[in-house]
N, C-alpha and C. Protein backbone atom coordinates (compact mmCIF):
# COMPACT_ATOMS: atom_id res chain seq x y z
N MET A 1 -48.38 -45.34 -3.27
CA MET A 1 -47.76 -45.24 -1.97
C MET A 1 -46.68 -44.15 -2.00
N SER A 2 -46.59 -43.38 -0.94
CA SER A 2 -45.65 -42.27 -0.85
C SER A 2 -44.61 -42.52 0.22
N ILE A 3 -43.51 -41.79 0.09
CA ILE A 3 -42.54 -41.75 1.18
C ILE A 3 -43.22 -41.01 2.32
N THR A 4 -43.07 -41.49 3.53
CA THR A 4 -43.78 -40.91 4.67
C THR A 4 -42.89 -39.95 5.47
N PRO A 5 -43.51 -39.05 6.22
CA PRO A 5 -42.72 -38.18 7.10
C PRO A 5 -41.85 -38.98 8.06
N GLU A 6 -42.36 -40.09 8.57
CA GLU A 6 -41.60 -40.90 9.52
C GLU A 6 -40.34 -41.47 8.88
N GLN A 7 -40.43 -41.91 7.63
CA GLN A 7 -39.27 -42.44 6.92
C GLN A 7 -38.20 -41.35 6.74
N ILE A 8 -38.64 -40.15 6.40
CA ILE A 8 -37.69 -39.05 6.21
C ILE A 8 -37.03 -38.71 7.54
N LYS A 9 -37.81 -38.63 8.61
CA LYS A 9 -37.25 -38.36 9.95
C LYS A 9 -36.18 -39.38 10.30
N GLN A 10 -36.45 -40.64 10.00
CA GLN A 10 -35.51 -41.71 10.33
C GLN A 10 -34.21 -41.54 9.54
N VAL A 11 -34.31 -41.23 8.26
CA VAL A 11 -33.12 -41.06 7.43
C VAL A 11 -32.32 -39.84 7.89
N LEU A 12 -32.99 -38.74 8.19
CA LEU A 12 -32.29 -37.52 8.59
C LEU A 12 -31.73 -37.62 10.01
N GLY A 13 -32.35 -38.44 10.84
CA GLY A 13 -31.85 -38.62 12.20
C GLY A 13 -31.70 -37.30 12.93
N ASN A 14 -30.57 -37.12 13.58
CA ASN A 14 -30.30 -35.89 14.33
C ASN A 14 -29.42 -34.91 13.58
N ALA A 15 -29.31 -35.05 12.28
CA ALA A 15 -28.47 -34.14 11.49
C ALA A 15 -29.14 -32.77 11.42
N SER A 16 -28.43 -31.76 11.88
CA SER A 16 -29.01 -30.43 11.78
C SER A 16 -29.13 -30.02 10.32
N VAL A 17 -28.09 -30.29 9.53
CA VAL A 17 -28.10 -29.97 8.10
C VAL A 17 -27.37 -31.09 7.37
N THR A 18 -27.92 -31.54 6.26
CA THR A 18 -27.26 -32.57 5.46
C THR A 18 -27.56 -32.35 3.98
N PHE A 19 -26.62 -32.78 3.15
CA PHE A 19 -26.85 -32.74 1.71
C PHE A 19 -27.58 -34.01 1.31
N ALA A 20 -28.45 -33.89 0.33
CA ALA A 20 -29.23 -35.03 -0.14
C ALA A 20 -29.47 -34.90 -1.64
N GLN A 21 -29.84 -36.02 -2.24
CA GLN A 21 -30.27 -36.02 -3.63
C GLN A 21 -31.72 -36.50 -3.63
N ILE A 22 -32.56 -35.75 -4.32
CA ILE A 22 -33.96 -36.15 -4.43
C ILE A 22 -34.34 -36.26 -5.90
N VAL A 23 -35.28 -37.14 -6.16
CA VAL A 23 -35.86 -37.27 -7.50
C VAL A 23 -37.37 -37.17 -7.31
N TYR A 24 -38.00 -36.32 -8.10
CA TYR A 24 -39.46 -36.18 -7.99
C TYR A 24 -40.07 -35.88 -9.35
N THR A 25 -41.36 -36.19 -9.46
CA THR A 25 -42.09 -36.01 -10.70
C THR A 25 -43.29 -35.11 -10.44
N THR A 26 -43.48 -34.13 -11.32
CA THR A 26 -44.64 -33.24 -11.22
C THR A 26 -45.34 -33.15 -12.57
N GLN A 27 -46.62 -32.90 -12.51
CA GLN A 27 -47.43 -32.70 -13.72
C GLN A 27 -47.22 -31.26 -14.17
N VAL A 28 -46.95 -31.06 -15.45
CA VAL A 28 -46.76 -29.72 -16.00
C VAL A 28 -48.12 -29.11 -16.31
N LYS A 29 -48.35 -27.91 -15.79
CA LYS A 29 -49.61 -27.20 -16.05
C LYS A 29 -49.51 -26.54 -17.42
N THR A 30 -50.39 -26.93 -18.30
CA THR A 30 -50.38 -26.40 -19.66
C THR A 30 -51.37 -25.25 -19.81
N ALA A 31 -51.31 -24.60 -20.95
CA ALA A 31 -52.31 -23.58 -21.27
C ALA A 31 -53.65 -24.29 -21.45
N ALA A 32 -54.74 -23.59 -21.25
CA ALA A 32 -56.08 -24.18 -21.31
C ALA A 32 -56.34 -24.90 -22.63
N ALA A 33 -55.82 -24.37 -23.72
CA ALA A 33 -56.04 -24.99 -25.03
C ALA A 33 -55.37 -26.36 -25.15
N HIS A 34 -54.43 -26.66 -24.26
CA HIS A 34 -53.69 -27.92 -24.32
C HIS A 34 -53.88 -28.76 -23.05
N LYS A 35 -54.99 -28.53 -22.34
CA LYS A 35 -55.19 -29.19 -21.06
C LYS A 35 -55.26 -30.72 -21.16
N GLU A 36 -55.53 -31.25 -22.35
CA GLU A 36 -55.59 -32.70 -22.52
C GLU A 36 -54.21 -33.34 -22.62
N GLN A 37 -53.18 -32.53 -22.77
CA GLN A 37 -51.82 -33.06 -22.90
C GLN A 37 -51.30 -33.55 -21.54
N ASN A 38 -50.66 -34.71 -21.54
CA ASN A 38 -50.07 -35.26 -20.32
C ASN A 38 -48.57 -35.06 -20.39
N ILE A 39 -48.09 -34.04 -19.68
CA ILE A 39 -46.67 -33.71 -19.68
C ILE A 39 -46.18 -33.76 -18.24
N GLN A 40 -45.11 -34.51 -18.03
CA GLN A 40 -44.52 -34.62 -16.71
C GLN A 40 -43.09 -34.11 -16.72
N LYS A 41 -42.70 -33.55 -15.60
CA LYS A 41 -41.33 -33.07 -15.40
C LYS A 41 -40.70 -33.95 -14.32
N ILE A 42 -39.57 -34.55 -14.65
CA ILE A 42 -38.85 -35.38 -13.69
C ILE A 42 -37.57 -34.63 -13.33
N THR A 43 -37.44 -34.33 -12.05
CA THR A 43 -36.32 -33.52 -11.57
C THR A 43 -35.44 -34.32 -10.63
N THR A 44 -34.13 -34.19 -10.84
CA THR A 44 -33.13 -34.72 -9.92
C THR A 44 -32.41 -33.51 -9.34
N ALA A 45 -32.38 -33.42 -8.02
CA ALA A 45 -31.81 -32.23 -7.39
C ALA A 45 -30.88 -32.57 -6.23
N ASN A 46 -29.82 -31.79 -6.12
CA ASN A 46 -28.95 -31.82 -4.96
C ASN A 46 -29.47 -30.73 -4.03
N VAL A 47 -29.84 -31.11 -2.82
CA VAL A 47 -30.51 -30.18 -1.92
C VAL A 47 -29.91 -30.22 -0.52
N ILE A 48 -30.29 -29.26 0.28
CA ILE A 48 -29.95 -29.23 1.70
C ILE A 48 -31.23 -29.52 2.47
N LEU A 49 -31.14 -30.51 3.37
CA LEU A 49 -32.26 -30.85 4.24
C LEU A 49 -31.81 -30.66 5.68
N SER A 50 -32.77 -30.39 6.54
CA SER A 50 -32.47 -30.15 7.96
C SER A 50 -33.42 -30.95 8.82
N SER A 51 -32.90 -31.45 9.93
CA SER A 51 -33.74 -32.24 10.82
C SER A 51 -34.02 -31.51 12.12
N THR A 52 -32.97 -31.16 12.85
CA THR A 52 -33.14 -30.69 14.22
C THR A 52 -33.21 -29.18 14.38
N LEU A 53 -33.24 -28.43 13.29
CA LEU A 53 -33.37 -26.99 13.44
C LEU A 53 -34.74 -26.65 14.01
N LYS A 54 -34.82 -25.60 14.73
CA LYS A 54 -36.09 -25.16 15.31
C LYS A 54 -36.89 -24.38 14.27
N ALA A 55 -38.20 -24.40 14.39
CA ALA A 55 -39.09 -23.74 13.42
C ALA A 55 -38.82 -22.25 13.31
N HIS A 56 -38.35 -21.62 14.38
CA HIS A 56 -38.10 -20.17 14.32
C HIS A 56 -36.78 -19.85 13.60
N THR A 57 -35.95 -20.86 13.35
CA THR A 57 -34.72 -20.67 12.60
C THR A 57 -35.08 -20.54 11.14
N SER A 58 -34.59 -19.52 10.48
CA SER A 58 -34.92 -19.37 9.07
C SER A 58 -33.67 -19.56 8.22
N VAL A 59 -33.43 -20.79 7.84
CA VAL A 59 -32.32 -21.10 6.95
C VAL A 59 -32.50 -20.31 5.66
N TYR A 60 -33.73 -20.24 5.20
CA TYR A 60 -34.03 -19.50 3.98
C TYR A 60 -33.64 -18.03 4.11
N ALA A 61 -34.08 -17.37 5.17
CA ALA A 61 -33.76 -15.94 5.35
C ALA A 61 -32.25 -15.73 5.42
N ASN A 62 -31.56 -16.59 6.14
CA ASN A 62 -30.11 -16.45 6.27
C ASN A 62 -29.43 -16.59 4.91
N ARG A 63 -29.86 -17.56 4.12
CA ARG A 63 -29.26 -17.76 2.79
C ARG A 63 -29.62 -16.63 1.84
N VAL A 64 -30.85 -16.12 1.91
CA VAL A 64 -31.23 -14.99 1.07
C VAL A 64 -30.35 -13.80 1.38
N LYS A 65 -30.19 -13.49 2.66
CA LYS A 65 -29.35 -12.35 3.05
C LYS A 65 -27.91 -12.53 2.57
N LYS A 66 -27.40 -13.75 2.69
CA LYS A 66 -26.02 -14.02 2.29
C LYS A 66 -25.84 -13.83 0.78
N THR A 67 -26.74 -14.42 -0.03
CA THR A 67 -26.57 -14.28 -1.49
C THR A 67 -26.93 -12.88 -1.97
N ALA A 68 -27.91 -12.24 -1.34
CA ALA A 68 -28.31 -10.89 -1.74
C ALA A 68 -27.21 -9.87 -1.44
N SER A 69 -26.46 -10.10 -0.38
CA SER A 69 -25.39 -9.15 -0.02
C SER A 69 -24.26 -9.15 -1.04
N THR A 70 -24.18 -10.17 -1.89
CA THR A 70 -23.13 -10.21 -2.91
C THR A 70 -23.55 -9.57 -4.22
N ILE A 71 -24.81 -9.16 -4.33
CA ILE A 71 -25.31 -8.54 -5.56
C ILE A 71 -25.24 -7.02 -5.39
N GLU A 72 -24.39 -6.39 -6.18
CA GLU A 72 -24.08 -4.97 -6.02
C GLU A 72 -25.28 -4.04 -6.11
N THR A 73 -26.26 -4.38 -6.91
CA THR A 73 -27.39 -3.48 -7.11
C THR A 73 -28.37 -3.46 -5.94
N ASN A 74 -28.21 -4.37 -4.98
CA ASN A 74 -29.10 -4.41 -3.83
C ASN A 74 -28.73 -3.34 -2.82
N ASP A 75 -29.75 -2.75 -2.22
CA ASP A 75 -29.56 -1.84 -1.10
C ASP A 75 -29.31 -2.70 0.14
N GLN A 76 -28.16 -2.53 0.80
CA GLN A 76 -27.78 -3.40 1.90
C GLN A 76 -28.74 -3.29 3.10
N ALA A 77 -29.34 -2.13 3.30
CA ALA A 77 -30.32 -1.99 4.39
C ALA A 77 -31.55 -2.85 4.08
N SER A 78 -31.94 -2.91 2.82
CA SER A 78 -33.08 -3.75 2.42
C SER A 78 -32.74 -5.22 2.58
N VAL A 79 -31.50 -5.58 2.29
CA VAL A 79 -31.06 -6.97 2.46
C VAL A 79 -31.16 -7.36 3.94
N GLU A 80 -30.65 -6.51 4.82
CA GLU A 80 -30.69 -6.80 6.26
C GLU A 80 -32.11 -6.84 6.81
N ALA A 81 -33.01 -6.08 6.19
CA ALA A 81 -34.40 -6.02 6.66
C ALA A 81 -35.25 -7.19 6.15
N PHE A 82 -34.68 -8.03 5.30
CA PHE A 82 -35.45 -9.12 4.70
C PHE A 82 -36.01 -10.06 5.77
N VAL A 83 -37.32 -10.33 5.65
CA VAL A 83 -38.02 -11.29 6.50
C VAL A 83 -38.93 -12.10 5.58
N PRO A 84 -38.87 -13.43 5.64
CA PRO A 84 -39.75 -14.22 4.78
C PRO A 84 -41.23 -13.97 5.10
N GLN A 85 -42.04 -14.07 4.08
CA GLN A 85 -43.48 -13.91 4.27
C GLN A 85 -44.08 -15.19 4.85
N GLU A 86 -45.25 -15.06 5.42
CA GLU A 86 -45.99 -16.21 5.93
C GLU A 86 -46.32 -17.15 4.77
N ASN A 87 -46.31 -18.44 5.03
CA ASN A 87 -46.57 -19.43 3.99
C ASN A 87 -47.80 -20.26 4.30
N TYR A 88 -48.16 -21.11 3.35
CA TYR A 88 -49.29 -22.02 3.51
C TYR A 88 -48.93 -23.22 4.37
N PHE A 89 -47.66 -23.35 4.72
CA PHE A 89 -47.20 -24.51 5.48
C PHE A 89 -46.56 -24.08 6.79
N GLN A 90 -46.35 -25.08 7.67
CA GLN A 90 -45.63 -24.86 8.91
C GLN A 90 -44.62 -26.00 9.08
N HIS A 91 -43.48 -25.67 9.68
CA HIS A 91 -42.47 -26.69 9.93
C HIS A 91 -42.95 -27.63 11.04
N THR A 92 -42.56 -28.89 10.92
CA THR A 92 -42.88 -29.88 11.95
C THR A 92 -41.67 -30.04 12.86
N ASP A 93 -41.67 -31.05 13.72
CA ASP A 93 -40.52 -31.28 14.59
C ASP A 93 -39.28 -31.72 13.80
N CYS A 94 -39.45 -32.10 12.56
CA CYS A 94 -38.33 -32.33 11.64
C CYS A 94 -38.40 -31.19 10.63
N TYR A 95 -37.45 -30.27 10.69
CA TYR A 95 -37.50 -29.00 9.97
C TYR A 95 -37.84 -29.14 8.48
N SER A 96 -37.27 -30.14 7.80
CA SER A 96 -37.50 -30.27 6.36
C SER A 96 -38.80 -30.96 5.99
N ILE A 97 -39.58 -31.33 6.97
CA ILE A 97 -40.92 -31.83 6.71
C ILE A 97 -41.88 -30.74 7.15
N VAL A 98 -42.65 -30.25 6.18
CA VAL A 98 -43.62 -29.20 6.49
C VAL A 98 -45.02 -29.72 6.24
N GLN A 99 -45.96 -29.13 6.96
CA GLN A 99 -47.35 -29.55 6.92
C GLN A 99 -48.22 -28.38 6.48
N HIS A 100 -49.18 -28.67 5.63
CA HIS A 100 -50.14 -27.65 5.19
C HIS A 100 -50.87 -27.11 6.42
N ARG A 101 -51.04 -25.80 6.52
CA ARG A 101 -51.68 -25.20 7.71
C ARG A 101 -53.16 -25.56 7.83
N GLU A 102 -53.84 -25.76 6.72
CA GLU A 102 -55.28 -26.03 6.77
C GLU A 102 -55.61 -27.49 6.47
N GLN A 103 -54.89 -28.08 5.56
CA GLN A 103 -55.12 -29.49 5.19
C GLN A 103 -54.05 -30.33 5.89
N LEU A 104 -54.33 -30.67 7.13
CA LEU A 104 -53.32 -31.26 8.01
C LEU A 104 -52.81 -32.63 7.58
N ASP A 105 -53.45 -33.25 6.60
CA ASP A 105 -52.97 -34.54 6.12
C ASP A 105 -51.99 -34.40 4.95
N LYS A 106 -51.64 -33.15 4.58
CA LYS A 106 -50.73 -32.90 3.46
C LYS A 106 -49.35 -32.50 3.99
N PHE A 107 -48.35 -33.30 3.59
CA PHE A 107 -46.97 -33.06 4.01
C PHE A 107 -46.10 -32.84 2.78
N TYR A 108 -45.06 -32.02 2.98
CA TYR A 108 -44.15 -31.64 1.90
C TYR A 108 -42.72 -31.72 2.41
N LEU A 109 -41.79 -31.90 1.47
CA LEU A 109 -40.38 -31.84 1.79
C LEU A 109 -39.92 -30.41 1.52
N TYR A 110 -39.37 -29.77 2.54
CA TYR A 110 -38.85 -28.40 2.44
C TYR A 110 -37.37 -28.53 2.12
N ALA A 111 -36.98 -28.17 0.89
CA ALA A 111 -35.61 -28.39 0.44
C ALA A 111 -35.03 -27.12 -0.16
N ILE A 112 -33.79 -26.82 0.23
CA ILE A 112 -33.05 -25.71 -0.36
C ILE A 112 -32.20 -26.30 -1.48
N PHE A 113 -32.40 -25.82 -2.69
CA PHE A 113 -31.75 -26.39 -3.86
C PHE A 113 -30.35 -25.83 -4.06
N ASN A 114 -29.43 -26.74 -4.35
CA ASN A 114 -28.08 -26.35 -4.77
C ASN A 114 -27.97 -26.43 -6.28
N LYS A 115 -28.47 -27.53 -6.84
CA LYS A 115 -28.40 -27.76 -8.28
C LYS A 115 -29.51 -28.74 -8.66
N ALA A 116 -30.09 -28.54 -9.84
CA ALA A 116 -31.14 -29.44 -10.30
C ALA A 116 -31.10 -29.57 -11.81
N THR A 117 -31.48 -30.75 -12.27
CA THR A 117 -31.65 -30.99 -13.70
C THR A 117 -33.01 -31.66 -13.89
N SER A 118 -33.64 -31.37 -15.03
CA SER A 118 -34.97 -31.92 -15.29
C SER A 118 -35.06 -32.46 -16.70
N VAL A 119 -35.91 -33.46 -16.86
CA VAL A 119 -36.29 -33.95 -18.18
C VAL A 119 -37.81 -33.91 -18.24
N TYR A 120 -38.32 -33.79 -19.45
CA TYR A 120 -39.76 -33.71 -19.66
C TYR A 120 -40.23 -34.93 -20.45
N MET A 121 -41.36 -35.47 -20.01
CA MET A 121 -41.98 -36.62 -20.68
C MET A 121 -43.32 -36.19 -21.25
N HIS A 122 -43.51 -36.46 -22.54
CA HIS A 122 -44.77 -36.16 -23.21
C HIS A 122 -45.18 -37.41 -23.97
N ASN A 123 -46.33 -37.97 -23.61
CA ASN A 123 -46.82 -39.20 -24.23
C ASN A 123 -45.78 -40.33 -24.14
N GLY A 124 -45.11 -40.41 -22.99
CA GLY A 124 -44.16 -41.49 -22.76
C GLY A 124 -42.78 -41.30 -23.37
N ASN A 125 -42.54 -40.15 -24.00
CA ASN A 125 -41.25 -39.89 -24.64
C ASN A 125 -40.55 -38.70 -24.00
N ILE A 126 -39.24 -38.76 -23.91
CA ILE A 126 -38.46 -37.62 -23.43
C ILE A 126 -38.44 -36.58 -24.55
N VAL A 127 -38.78 -35.35 -24.19
CA VAL A 127 -38.82 -34.26 -25.18
C VAL A 127 -38.07 -33.05 -24.63
N SER A 128 -37.75 -32.13 -25.53
CA SER A 128 -36.99 -30.94 -25.15
C SER A 128 -37.88 -29.89 -24.47
N GLU A 129 -37.24 -28.97 -23.78
CA GLU A 129 -37.97 -27.86 -23.17
C GLU A 129 -38.67 -27.03 -24.24
N GLN A 130 -38.02 -26.86 -25.39
CA GLN A 130 -38.61 -26.08 -26.48
C GLN A 130 -39.92 -26.73 -26.95
N SER A 131 -39.95 -28.05 -26.99
CA SER A 131 -41.17 -28.76 -27.39
C SER A 131 -42.28 -28.53 -26.38
N ILE A 132 -41.94 -28.59 -25.11
CA ILE A 132 -42.92 -28.41 -24.03
C ILE A 132 -43.43 -26.98 -24.01
N ALA A 133 -42.55 -26.03 -24.29
CA ALA A 133 -42.91 -24.61 -24.23
C ALA A 133 -44.11 -24.28 -25.10
N GLU A 134 -44.29 -25.00 -26.18
CA GLU A 134 -45.40 -24.73 -27.10
C GLU A 134 -46.77 -25.04 -26.48
N PHE A 135 -46.79 -25.80 -25.39
CA PHE A 135 -48.05 -26.16 -24.74
C PHE A 135 -48.37 -25.26 -23.54
N LEU A 136 -47.51 -24.30 -23.24
CA LEU A 136 -47.65 -23.49 -22.04
C LEU A 136 -48.23 -22.11 -22.34
N THR A 137 -48.63 -21.43 -21.26
CA THR A 137 -49.04 -20.03 -21.40
C THR A 137 -47.80 -19.21 -21.75
N ALA A 138 -47.98 -18.02 -22.23
CA ALA A 138 -46.85 -17.17 -22.61
C ALA A 138 -45.91 -16.92 -21.43
N SER A 139 -46.47 -16.65 -20.26
CA SER A 139 -45.62 -16.37 -19.10
C SER A 139 -44.88 -17.63 -18.63
N ALA A 140 -45.55 -18.78 -18.66
CA ALA A 140 -44.89 -20.03 -18.27
C ALA A 140 -43.80 -20.41 -19.28
N LYS A 141 -44.04 -20.14 -20.54
CA LYS A 141 -43.04 -20.39 -21.58
C LYS A 141 -41.80 -19.54 -21.35
N LYS A 142 -42.01 -18.27 -21.07
CA LYS A 142 -40.89 -17.37 -20.82
C LYS A 142 -40.08 -17.83 -19.61
N GLU A 143 -40.77 -18.24 -18.54
CA GLU A 143 -40.09 -18.71 -17.33
C GLU A 143 -39.29 -19.99 -17.60
N LEU A 144 -39.86 -20.89 -18.38
CA LEU A 144 -39.19 -22.15 -18.69
C LEU A 144 -37.91 -21.92 -19.49
N LEU A 145 -37.98 -21.06 -20.48
CA LEU A 145 -36.85 -20.87 -21.39
C LEU A 145 -35.83 -19.86 -20.89
N ASN A 146 -36.18 -19.09 -19.84
CA ASN A 146 -35.25 -18.13 -19.24
C ASN A 146 -34.47 -18.84 -18.14
N LYS A 147 -33.19 -18.99 -18.31
CA LYS A 147 -32.38 -19.76 -17.36
C LYS A 147 -31.71 -18.89 -16.28
N ASP A 148 -32.21 -17.71 -16.07
CA ASP A 148 -31.65 -16.82 -15.04
C ASP A 148 -32.03 -17.35 -13.65
N ASN A 149 -31.05 -17.59 -12.80
CA ASN A 149 -31.35 -18.12 -11.47
C ASN A 149 -31.46 -17.03 -10.41
N VAL A 150 -31.50 -15.78 -10.84
CA VAL A 150 -31.64 -14.67 -9.90
C VAL A 150 -33.12 -14.42 -9.65
N VAL A 151 -33.48 -14.34 -8.37
CA VAL A 151 -34.86 -14.13 -7.96
C VAL A 151 -35.00 -12.68 -7.50
N HIS A 152 -36.06 -12.01 -7.94
CA HIS A 152 -36.33 -10.66 -7.48
C HIS A 152 -37.45 -10.70 -6.45
N ASN A 153 -37.13 -10.32 -5.21
CA ASN A 153 -38.13 -10.25 -4.16
C ASN A 153 -38.72 -8.85 -4.21
N LYS A 154 -39.98 -8.75 -4.66
CA LYS A 154 -40.61 -7.44 -4.86
C LYS A 154 -40.90 -6.74 -3.54
N THR A 155 -41.26 -7.49 -2.51
CA THR A 155 -41.60 -6.89 -1.22
C THR A 155 -40.44 -6.08 -0.66
N HIS A 156 -39.23 -6.65 -0.72
CA HIS A 156 -38.05 -5.98 -0.16
C HIS A 156 -37.17 -5.35 -1.23
N ASN A 157 -37.58 -5.51 -2.50
CA ASN A 157 -36.85 -5.00 -3.65
C ASN A 157 -35.37 -5.41 -3.61
N ILE A 158 -35.15 -6.71 -3.44
CA ILE A 158 -33.79 -7.24 -3.48
C ILE A 158 -33.75 -8.44 -4.42
N LYS A 159 -32.55 -8.73 -4.90
CA LYS A 159 -32.33 -9.91 -5.73
C LYS A 159 -31.46 -10.89 -4.95
N HIS A 160 -31.72 -12.19 -5.16
CA HIS A 160 -30.94 -13.22 -4.50
C HIS A 160 -30.93 -14.46 -5.38
N THR A 161 -30.20 -15.49 -4.96
CA THR A 161 -30.09 -16.70 -5.77
C THR A 161 -30.49 -17.96 -5.01
N VAL A 162 -31.38 -17.83 -4.05
CA VAL A 162 -31.82 -18.97 -3.25
C VAL A 162 -33.09 -19.56 -3.85
N THR A 163 -33.08 -20.89 -4.01
CA THR A 163 -34.27 -21.59 -4.48
C THR A 163 -34.69 -22.59 -3.42
N VAL A 164 -35.90 -22.42 -2.91
CA VAL A 164 -36.48 -23.36 -1.96
C VAL A 164 -37.75 -23.92 -2.60
N ARG A 165 -37.93 -25.21 -2.46
CA ARG A 165 -39.13 -25.84 -2.96
C ARG A 165 -39.78 -26.65 -1.84
N THR A 166 -41.09 -26.66 -1.82
CA THR A 166 -41.84 -27.56 -0.95
C THR A 166 -42.50 -28.56 -1.89
N ILE A 167 -42.03 -29.79 -1.84
CA ILE A 167 -42.43 -30.83 -2.77
C ILE A 167 -43.37 -31.80 -2.07
N ALA A 168 -44.54 -32.00 -2.62
CA ALA A 168 -45.49 -32.96 -2.03
C ALA A 168 -44.80 -34.31 -1.91
N LEU A 169 -44.92 -34.93 -0.73
CA LEU A 169 -44.27 -36.23 -0.53
C LEU A 169 -44.75 -37.24 -1.56
N SER A 170 -45.99 -37.11 -2.02
CA SER A 170 -46.52 -38.04 -3.01
C SER A 170 -45.81 -37.93 -4.37
N ASN A 171 -45.12 -36.82 -4.62
CA ASN A 171 -44.40 -36.63 -5.89
C ASN A 171 -42.96 -37.14 -5.84
N ILE A 172 -42.46 -37.43 -4.66
CA ILE A 172 -41.06 -37.82 -4.51
C ILE A 172 -40.88 -39.29 -4.85
N THR A 173 -39.94 -39.55 -5.74
CA THR A 173 -39.61 -40.91 -6.17
C THR A 173 -38.53 -41.50 -5.27
N SER A 174 -37.51 -40.68 -4.95
CA SER A 174 -36.43 -41.18 -4.09
C SER A 174 -35.74 -40.04 -3.36
N ILE A 175 -35.16 -40.40 -2.22
CA ILE A 175 -34.33 -39.50 -1.43
C ILE A 175 -33.09 -40.28 -1.04
N ARG A 176 -31.92 -39.70 -1.32
CA ARG A 176 -30.66 -40.30 -0.91
C ARG A 176 -29.99 -39.32 0.05
N ALA A 177 -29.81 -39.75 1.30
CA ALA A 177 -29.20 -38.89 2.31
C ALA A 177 -28.55 -39.76 3.38
N ARG A 178 -27.44 -39.29 3.89
CA ARG A 178 -26.75 -39.96 4.99
C ARG A 178 -26.53 -41.46 4.71
N LYS A 179 -26.07 -41.76 3.50
CA LYS A 179 -25.75 -43.12 3.07
C LYS A 179 -26.95 -44.06 3.09
N GLN A 180 -28.14 -43.49 2.93
CA GLN A 180 -29.38 -44.29 2.89
C GLN A 180 -30.21 -43.82 1.70
N ILE A 181 -31.08 -44.72 1.22
CA ILE A 181 -31.96 -44.40 0.11
C ILE A 181 -33.39 -44.75 0.48
N LEU A 182 -34.29 -43.79 0.28
CA LEU A 182 -35.73 -44.04 0.40
C LEU A 182 -36.29 -44.09 -1.01
N LEU A 183 -37.12 -45.10 -1.27
CA LEU A 183 -37.78 -45.22 -2.59
C LEU A 183 -39.27 -45.24 -2.41
N LYS A 184 -39.97 -44.67 -3.36
CA LYS A 184 -41.43 -44.64 -3.37
C LYS A 184 -41.95 -46.04 -3.61
């Protein structure tokens, strides 16, 4: 059983923007040679969720421009010209609930991350990132062990520090927002 879009709408109410804590679990994609390994990542994150913003409002674009403008190596004209690319999802009447454009029964939580911590489970035991890295492709290993939070947007050739995730509602264990808790 998953947390439903209706439950999230109810918790967010009419809040245009609110801080929340989410916990979710995802399956770690391993290198082909280790596909039989069952590795899960459990993440606890402090995020920003929005309810009443309109779909044409781009919280993401605004935050990218704000953080990119503080990075000296960015061309300011490129920062101002930043426009997010089209995605596989569309915002619903509750901004932080997004729906897959083609698979209309798939819903995700659209969350802007402030801070997150993760633990990894392998065969029922908590293990280190270094242990998990050995089961990944070279590029996934490098990404896991590189803790740089700066994102390079190749299309606009700018760097920023905004992290947005769309998390399948089926992966979410809990959401704490507006003095309420939703549990899976």
